[in-house]
All heavy atoms as atom14 arrays in JSON, in Angstrom:
{
  "sequence": "FPRGRHVRLYVAPELRAPVSFGFLRPAICVP",
  "atom14_mask": [
    [1, 1, 1, 1, 1, 1, 1, 1, 1, 1, 1, 0, 0, 0],
    [1, 1, 1, 1, 1, 1, 1, 0, 0, 0, 0, 0, 0, 0],
    [1, 1, 1, 1, 1, 1, 1, 1, 1, 1, 1, 0, 0, 0],
    [1, 1, 1, 1, 0, 0, 0, 0, 0, 0, 0, 0, 0, 0],
    [1, 1, 1, 1, 1, 1, 1, 1, 1, 1, 1, 0, 0, 0],
    [1, 1, 1, 1, 1, 1, 1, 1, 1, 1, 0, 0, 0, 0],
    [1, 1, 1, 1, 1, 1, 1, 0, 0, 0, 0, 0, 0, 0],
    [1, 1, 1, 1, 1, 1, 1, 1, 1, 1, 1, 0, 0, 0],
    [1, 1, 1, 1, 1, 1, 1, 1, 0, 0, 0, 0, 0, 0],
    [1, 1, 1, 1, 1, 1, 1, 1, 1, 1, 1, 1, 0, 0],
    [1, 1, 1, 1, 1, 1, 1, 0, 0, 0, 0, 0, 0, 0],
    [1, 1, 1, 1, 1, 0, 0, 0, 0, 0, 0, 0, 0, 0],
    [1, 1, 1, 1, 1, 1, 1, 0, 0, 0, 0, 0, 0, 0],
    [1, 1, 1, 1, 1, 1, 1, 1, 1, 0, 0, 0, 0, 0],
    [1, 1, 1, 1, 1, 1, 1, 1, 0, 0, 0, 0, 0, 0],
    [1, 1, 1, 1, 1, 1, 1, 1, 1, 1, 1, 0, 0, 0],
    [1, 1, 1, 1, 1, 0, 0, 0, 0, 0, 0, 0, 0, 0],
    [1, 1, 1, 1, 1, 1, 1, 0, 0, 0, 0, 0, 0, 0],
    [1, 1, 1, 1, 1, 1, 1, 0, 0, 0, 0, 0, 0, 0],
    [1, 1, 1, 1, 1, 1, 0, 0, 0, 0, 0, 0, 0, 0],
    [1, 1, 1, 1, 1, 1, 1, 1, 1, 1, 1, 0, 0, 0],
    [1, 1, 1, 1, 0, 0, 0, 0, 0, 0, 0, 0, 0, 0],
    [1, 1, 1, 1, 1, 1, 1, 1, 1, 1, 1, 0, 0, 0],
    [1, 1, 1, 1, 1, 1, 1, 1, 0, 0, 0, 0, 0, 0],
    [1, 1, 1, 1, 1, 1, 1, 1, 1, 1, 1, 0, 0, 0],
    [1, 1, 1, 1, 1, 1, 1, 0, 0, 0, 0, 0, 0, 0],
    [1, 1, 1, 1, 1, 0, 0, 0, 0, 0, 0, 0, 0, 0],
    [1, 1, 1, 1, 1, 1, 1, 1, 0, 0, 0, 0, 0, 0],
    [1, 1, 1, 1, 1, 1, 0, 0, 0, 0, 0, 0, 0, 0],
    [1, 1, 1, 1, 1, 1, 1, 0, 0, 0, 0, 0, 0, 0],
    [1, 1, 1, 1, 1, 1, 1, 0, 0, 0, 0, 0, 0, 0]
  ],
  "atom14_positions": [
    [[8.6, 11.47, -3.74], [7.64, 12.3, -4.45], [7.74, 13.74, -3.93], [7.06, 14.09, -2.97], [6.2, 11.8, -4.24], [5.95, 10.42, -4.76], [5.86, 9.36, -3.88], [5.77, 10.19, -6.11], [5.6, 8.08, -4.34], [5.52, 8.91, -6.57], [5.43, 7.86, -5.69], [0.0, 0.0, 0.0], [0.0, 0.0, 0.0], [0.0, 0.0, 0.0]],
    [[8.55, 14.58, -4.55], [8.72, 15.94, -4.04], [7.4, 16.72, -3.98], [7.21, 17.56, -3.13], [9.68, 16.58, -5.04], [10.33, 15.45, -5.75], [9.39, 14.3, -5.69], [0.0, 0.0, 0.0], [0.0, 0.0, 0.0], [0.0, 0.0, 0.0], [0.0, 0.0, 0.0], [0.0, 0.0, 0.0], [0.0, 0.0, 0.0], [0.0, 0.0, 0.0]],
    [[6.48, 16.43, -4.89], [5.2, 17.15, -4.91], [4.19, 16.53, -3.96], [3.09, 17.02, -3.81], [4.61, 17.15, -6.32], [5.45, 17.98, -7.27], [4.94, 17.86, -8.65], [5.29, 16.5, -9.1], [4.89, 15.97, -10.23], [4.12, 16.64, -11.04], [5.27, 14.76, -10.57], [0.0, 0.0, 0.0], [0.0, 0.0, 0.0], [0.0, 0.0, 0.0]],
    [[4.55, 15.46, -3.34], [3.67, 14.8, -2.38], [2.73, 13.81, -3.06], [2.33, 13.99, -4.2], [0.0, 0.0, 0.0], [0.0, 0.0, 0.0], [0.0, 0.0, 0.0], [0.0, 0.0, 0.0], [0.0, 0.0, 0.0], [0.0, 0.0, 0.0], [0.0, 0.0, 0.0], [0.0, 0.0, 0.0], [0.0, 0.0, 0.0], [0.0, 0.0, 0.0]],
    [[2.43, 12.77, -2.36], [1.53, 11.73, -2.86], [1.03, 10.98, -1.64], [1.77, 10.78, -0.68], [2.31, 10.8, -3.78], [1.53, 9.66, -4.35], [1.22, 9.92, -5.79], [0.22, 8.98, -6.26], [0.39, 8.22, -7.32], [1.49, 8.27, -8.01], [-0.58, 7.43, -7.71], [0.0, 0.0, 0.0], [0.0, 0.0, 0.0], [0.0, 0.0, 0.0]],
    [[-0.21, 10.58, -1.68], [-0.75, 9.84, -0.55], [-0.75, 8.35, -0.89], [-1.29, 7.94, -1.92], [-2.17, 10.3, -0.22], [-2.75, 9.58, 0.94], [-2.3, 9.76, 2.23], [-3.73, 8.66, 1.03], [-2.98, 8.99, 3.05], [-3.87, 8.3, 2.34], [0.0, 0.0, 0.0], [0.0, 0.0, 0.0], [0.0, 0.0, 0.0], [0.0, 0.0, 0.0]],
    [[-0.12, 7.57, -0.05], [-0.1, 6.11, -0.2], [-0.67, 5.54, 1.09], [-0.17, 5.82, 2.17], [1.33, 5.58, -0.44], [1.33, 4.06, -0.49], [1.92, 6.17, -1.7], [0.0, 0.0, 0.0], [0.0, 0.0, 0.0], [0.0, 0.0, 0.0], [0.0, 0.0, 0.0], [0.0, 0.0, 0.0], [0.0, 0.0, 0.0], [0.0, 0.0, 0.0]],
    [[-1.73, 4.77, 0.96], [-2.35, 4.16, 2.13], [-1.52, 2.96, 2.58], [-0.92, 2.27, 1.75], [-3.76, 3.72, 1.81], [-4.66, 4.89, 1.57], [-6.04, 4.45, 1.2], [-6.88, 5.62, 1.11], [-8.17, 5.61, 1.34], [-8.78, 4.49, 1.67], [-8.86, 6.71, 1.25], [0.0, 0.0, 0.0], [0.0, 0.0, 0.0], [0.0, 0.0, 0.0]],
    [[-1.54, 2.7, 3.87], [-0.8, 1.59, 4.45], [-1.78, 0.7, 5.21], [-2.51, 1.18, 6.08], [0.31, 2.1, 5.38], [1.19, 1.06, 6.04], [1.93, 0.24, 4.99], [2.18, 1.73, 6.96], [0.0, 0.0, 0.0], [0.0, 0.0, 0.0], [0.0, 0.0, 0.0], [0.0, 0.0, 0.0], [0.0, 0.0, 0.0], [0.0, 0.0, 0.0]],
    [[-1.82, -0.57, 4.85], [-2.73, -1.53, 5.45], [-1.97, -2.69, 6.08], [-0.85, -2.99, 5.68], [-3.68, -2.13, 4.4], [-4.64, -1.15, 3.79], [-4.37, -0.57, 2.56], [-5.82, -0.81, 4.44], [-5.25, 0.32, 1.98], [-6.71, 0.08, 3.87], [-6.43, 0.65, 2.64], [-7.3, 1.53, 2.08], [0.0, 0.0, 0.0], [0.0, 0.0, 0.0]],
    [[-2.64, -3.36, 7.0], [-2.18, -4.63, 7.55], [-3.3, -5.63, 7.3], [-4.46, -5.37, 7.63], [-1.88, -4.54, 9.06], [-1.53, -5.9, 9.62], [-0.77, -3.56, 9.33], [0.0, 0.0, 0.0], [0.0, 0.0, 0.0], [0.0, 0.0, 0.0], [0.0, 0.0, 0.0], [0.0, 0.0, 0.0], [0.0, 0.0, 0.0], [0.0, 0.0, 0.0]],
    [[-2.95, -6.76, 6.68], [-3.94, -7.8, 6.38], [-3.53, -9.09, 7.08], [-2.44, -9.6, 6.84], [-4.04, -8.02, 4.88], [0.0, 0.0, 0.0], [0.0, 0.0, 0.0], [0.0, 0.0, 0.0], [0.0, 0.0, 0.0], [0.0, 0.0, 0.0], [0.0, 0.0, 0.0], [0.0, 0.0, 0.0], [0.0, 0.0, 0.0], [0.0, 0.0, 0.0]],
    [[-4.41, -9.64, 7.9], [-4.05, -10.83, 8.68], [-3.73, -12.07, 7.85], [-2.96, -12.91, 8.28], [-5.26, -11.06, 9.58], [-6.37, -10.26, 9.0], [-5.76, -9.18, 8.19], [0.0, 0.0, 0.0], [0.0, 0.0, 0.0], [0.0, 0.0, 0.0], [0.0, 0.0, 0.0], [0.0, 0.0, 0.0], [0.0, 0.0, 0.0], [0.0, 0.0, 0.0]],
    [[-4.3, -12.21, 6.65], [-4.08, -13.41, 5.85], [-2.92, -13.27, 4.86], [-2.58, -14.22, 4.17], [-5.36, -13.78, 5.1], [-6.47, -14.17, 6.05], [-7.69, -14.7, 5.32], [-7.51, -15.36, 4.28], [-8.8, -14.45, 5.8], [0.0, 0.0, 0.0], [0.0, 0.0, 0.0], [0.0, 0.0, 0.0], [0.0, 0.0, 0.0], [0.0, 0.0, 0.0]],
    [[-2.33, -12.11, 4.8], [-1.25, -11.86, 3.85], [0.06, -12.47, 4.35], [0.36, -12.41, 5.54], [-1.1, -10.34, 3.67], [-0.4, -9.84, 2.43], [-1.14, -10.27, 1.17], [-0.32, -8.32, 2.48], [0.0, 0.0, 0.0], [0.0, 0.0, 0.0], [0.0, 0.0, 0.0], [0.0, 0.0, 0.0], [0.0, 0.0, 0.0], [0.0, 0.0, 0.0]],
    [[0.83, -13.03, 3.43], [2.11, -13.65, 3.81], [3.31, -12.78, 3.46], [4.38, -12.94, 4.05], [2.24, -15.0, 3.12], [1.27, -16.02, 3.64], [1.52, -17.39, 3.02], [0.24, -18.07, 2.93], [-0.28, -18.52, 1.81], [0.36, -18.41, 0.68], [-1.45, -19.11, 1.81], [0.0, 0.0, 0.0], [0.0, 0.0, 0.0], [0.0, 0.0, 0.0]],
    [[3.15, -11.91, 2.48], [4.26, -11.06, 2.03], [3.7, -9.68, 1.7], [2.52, -9.56, 1.33], [4.93, -11.66, 0.8], [0.0, 0.0, 0.0], [0.0, 0.0, 0.0], [0.0, 0.0, 0.0], [0.0, 0.0, 0.0], [0.0, 0.0, 0.0], [0.0, 0.0, 0.0], [0.0, 0.0, 0.0], [0.0, 0.0, 0.0], [0.0, 0.0, 0.0]],
    [[4.51, -8.64, 1.81], [4.01, -7.3, 1.49], [3.64, -7.2, 0.01], [4.22, -7.88, -0.84], [5.18, -6.38, 1.82], [6.3, -7.23, 2.22], [5.88, -8.64, 2.25], [0.0, 0.0, 0.0], [0.0, 0.0, 0.0], [0.0, 0.0, 0.0], [0.0, 0.0, 0.0], [0.0, 0.0, 0.0], [0.0, 0.0, 0.0], [0.0, 0.0, 0.0]],
    [[2.69, -6.34, -0.28], [2.24, -6.15, -1.65], [1.85, -4.68, -1.85], [1.37, -4.03, -0.93], [1.05, -7.09, -1.97], [-0.16, -6.78, -1.13], [0.7, -7.06, -3.43], [0.0, 0.0, 0.0], [0.0, 0.0, 0.0], [0.0, 0.0, 0.0], [0.0, 0.0, 0.0], [0.0, 0.0, 0.0], [0.0, 0.0, 0.0], [0.0, 0.0, 0.0]],
    [[2.14, -4.18, -3.03], [1.7, -2.83, -3.4], [0.67, -2.97, -4.51], [0.8, -3.83, -5.38], [2.88, -1.97, -3.82], [3.61, -2.6, -4.84], [0.0, 0.0, 0.0], [0.0, 0.0, 0.0], [0.0, 0.0, 0.0], [0.0, 0.0, 0.0], [0.0, 0.0, 0.0], [0.0, 0.0, 0.0], [0.0, 0.0, 0.0], [0.0, 0.0, 0.0]],
    [[-0.34, -2.13, -4.48], [-1.4, -2.21, -5.48], [-2.07, -0.86, -5.63], [-1.86, 0.04, -4.83], [-2.42, -3.3, -5.1], [-3.08, -3.09, -3.77], [-4.27, -2.4, -3.66], [-2.48, -3.56, -2.61], [-4.87, -2.2, -2.43], [-3.07, -3.38, -1.37], [-4.28, -2.69, -1.29], [0.0, 0.0, 0.0], [0.0, 0.0, 0.0], [0.0, 0.0, 0.0]],
    [[-2.86, -0.75, -6.66], [-3.63, 0.47, -6.89], [-3.01, 1.35, -7.95], [-1.8, 1.53, -7.97], [0.0, 0.0, 0.0], [0.0, 0.0, 0.0], [0.0, 0.0, 0.0], [0.0, 0.0, 0.0], [0.0, 0.0, 0.0], [0.0, 0.0, 0.0], [0.0, 0.0, 0.0], [0.0, 0.0, 0.0], [0.0, 0.0, 0.0], [0.0, 0.0, 0.0]],
    [[-3.87, 1.83, -8.85], [-3.41, 2.72, -9.91], [-3.73, 4.17, -9.54], [-2.87, 5.03, -9.58], [-4.08, 2.38, -11.24], [-4.02, 0.92, -11.58], [-5.17, 0.23, -11.88], [-2.83, 0.24, -11.59], [-5.13, -1.12, -12.2], [-2.77, -1.11, -11.9], [-3.93, -1.78, -12.22], [0.0, 0.0, 0.0], [0.0, 0.0, 0.0], [0.0, 0.0, 0.0]],
    [[-4.96, 4.39, -9.17], [-5.39, 5.75, -8.84], [-5.22, 6.06, -7.36], [-4.91, 7.19, -6.99], [-6.85, 5.95, -9.25], [-7.14, 5.72, -10.73], [-8.63, 5.83, -11.0], [-6.36, 6.7, -11.58], [0.0, 0.0, 0.0], [0.0, 0.0, 0.0], [0.0, 0.0, 0.0], [0.0, 0.0, 0.0], [0.0, 0.0, 0.0], [0.0, 0.0, 0.0]],
    [[-5.46, 5.07, -6.52], [-5.27, 5.22, -5.08], [-4.26, 4.19, -4.62], [-4.62, 3.1, -4.18], [-6.6, 5.04, -4.36], [-7.59, 6.14, -4.7], [-8.87, 6.07, -3.94], [-9.08, 4.87, -3.16], [-10.26, 4.4, -2.85], [-11.33, 4.99, -3.26], [-10.38, 3.31, -2.12], [0.0, 0.0, 0.0], [0.0, 0.0, 0.0], [0.0, 0.0, 0.0]],
    [[-2.97, 4.51, -4.71], [-1.94, 3.52, -4.38], [-1.96, 3.14, -2.91], [-2.28, 3.95, -2.04], [-0.64, 4.23, -4.75], [-0.96, 5.67, -4.74], [-2.41, 5.8, -5.08], [0.0, 0.0, 0.0], [0.0, 0.0, 0.0], [0.0, 0.0, 0.0], [0.0, 0.0, 0.0], [0.0, 0.0, 0.0], [0.0, 0.0, 0.0], [0.0, 0.0, 0.0]],
    [[-1.61, 1.89, -2.67], [-1.6, 1.37, -1.3], [-0.53, 0.3, -1.16], [-0.14, -0.34, -2.13], [-2.97, 0.8, -0.95], [0.0, 0.0, 0.0], [0.0, 0.0, 0.0], [0.0, 0.0, 0.0], [0.0, 0.0, 0.0], [0.0, 0.0, 0.0], [0.0, 0.0, 0.0], [0.0, 0.0, 0.0], [0.0, 0.0, 0.0], [0.0, 0.0, 0.0]],
    [[-0.08, 0.15, 0.06], [0.86, -0.91, 0.43], [0.19, -1.69, 1.55], [-0.37, -1.11, 2.48], [2.2, -0.34, 0.91], [2.9, 0.4, -0.23], [3.1, -1.44, 1.47], [4.15, 1.15, 0.19], [0.0, 0.0, 0.0], [0.0, 0.0, 0.0], [0.0, 0.0, 0.0], [0.0, 0.0, 0.0], [0.0, 0.0, 0.0], [0.0, 0.0, 0.0]],
    [[0.23, -3.0, 1.44], [-0.35, -3.85, 2.46], [0.73, -4.8, 2.97], [1.45, -5.41, 2.17], [-1.53, -4.63, 1.89], [-2.53, -5.41, 3.15], [0.0, 0.0, 0.0], [0.0, 0.0, 0.0], [0.0, 0.0, 0.0], [0.0, 0.0, 0.0], [0.0, 0.0, 0.0], [0.0, 0.0, 0.0], [0.0, 0.0, 0.0], [0.0, 0.0, 0.0]],
    [[0.86, -4.9, 4.28], [1.89, -5.73, 4.88], [1.24, -6.79, 5.77], [0.15, -6.58, 6.29], [2.9, -4.89, 5.7], [3.63, -3.9, 4.81], [2.23, -4.17, 6.84], [0.0, 0.0, 0.0], [0.0, 0.0, 0.0], [0.0, 0.0, 0.0], [0.0, 0.0, 0.0], [0.0, 0.0, 0.0], [0.0, 0.0, 0.0], [0.0, 0.0, 0.0]],
    [[1.92, -7.91, 5.95], [1.4, -8.92, 6.88], [1.68, -8.49, 8.33], [2.61, -7.72, 8.58], [2.2, -10.17, 6.52], [3.45, -9.66, 5.91], [3.11, -8.37, 5.25], [0.0, 0.0, 0.0], [0.0, 0.0, 0.0], [0.0, 0.0, 0.0], [0.0, 0.0, 0.0], [0.0, 0.0, 0.0], [0.0, 0.0, 0.0], [0.0, 0.0, 0.0]]
  ]
}
């Protein structure tokens, strides 16, 4: 994203595989 974009990064204890979600506030969550 040359113009910059904020993507939040989370860790979730019950998650088994990484997932990306969010339309307006994008986020990535990893186990």
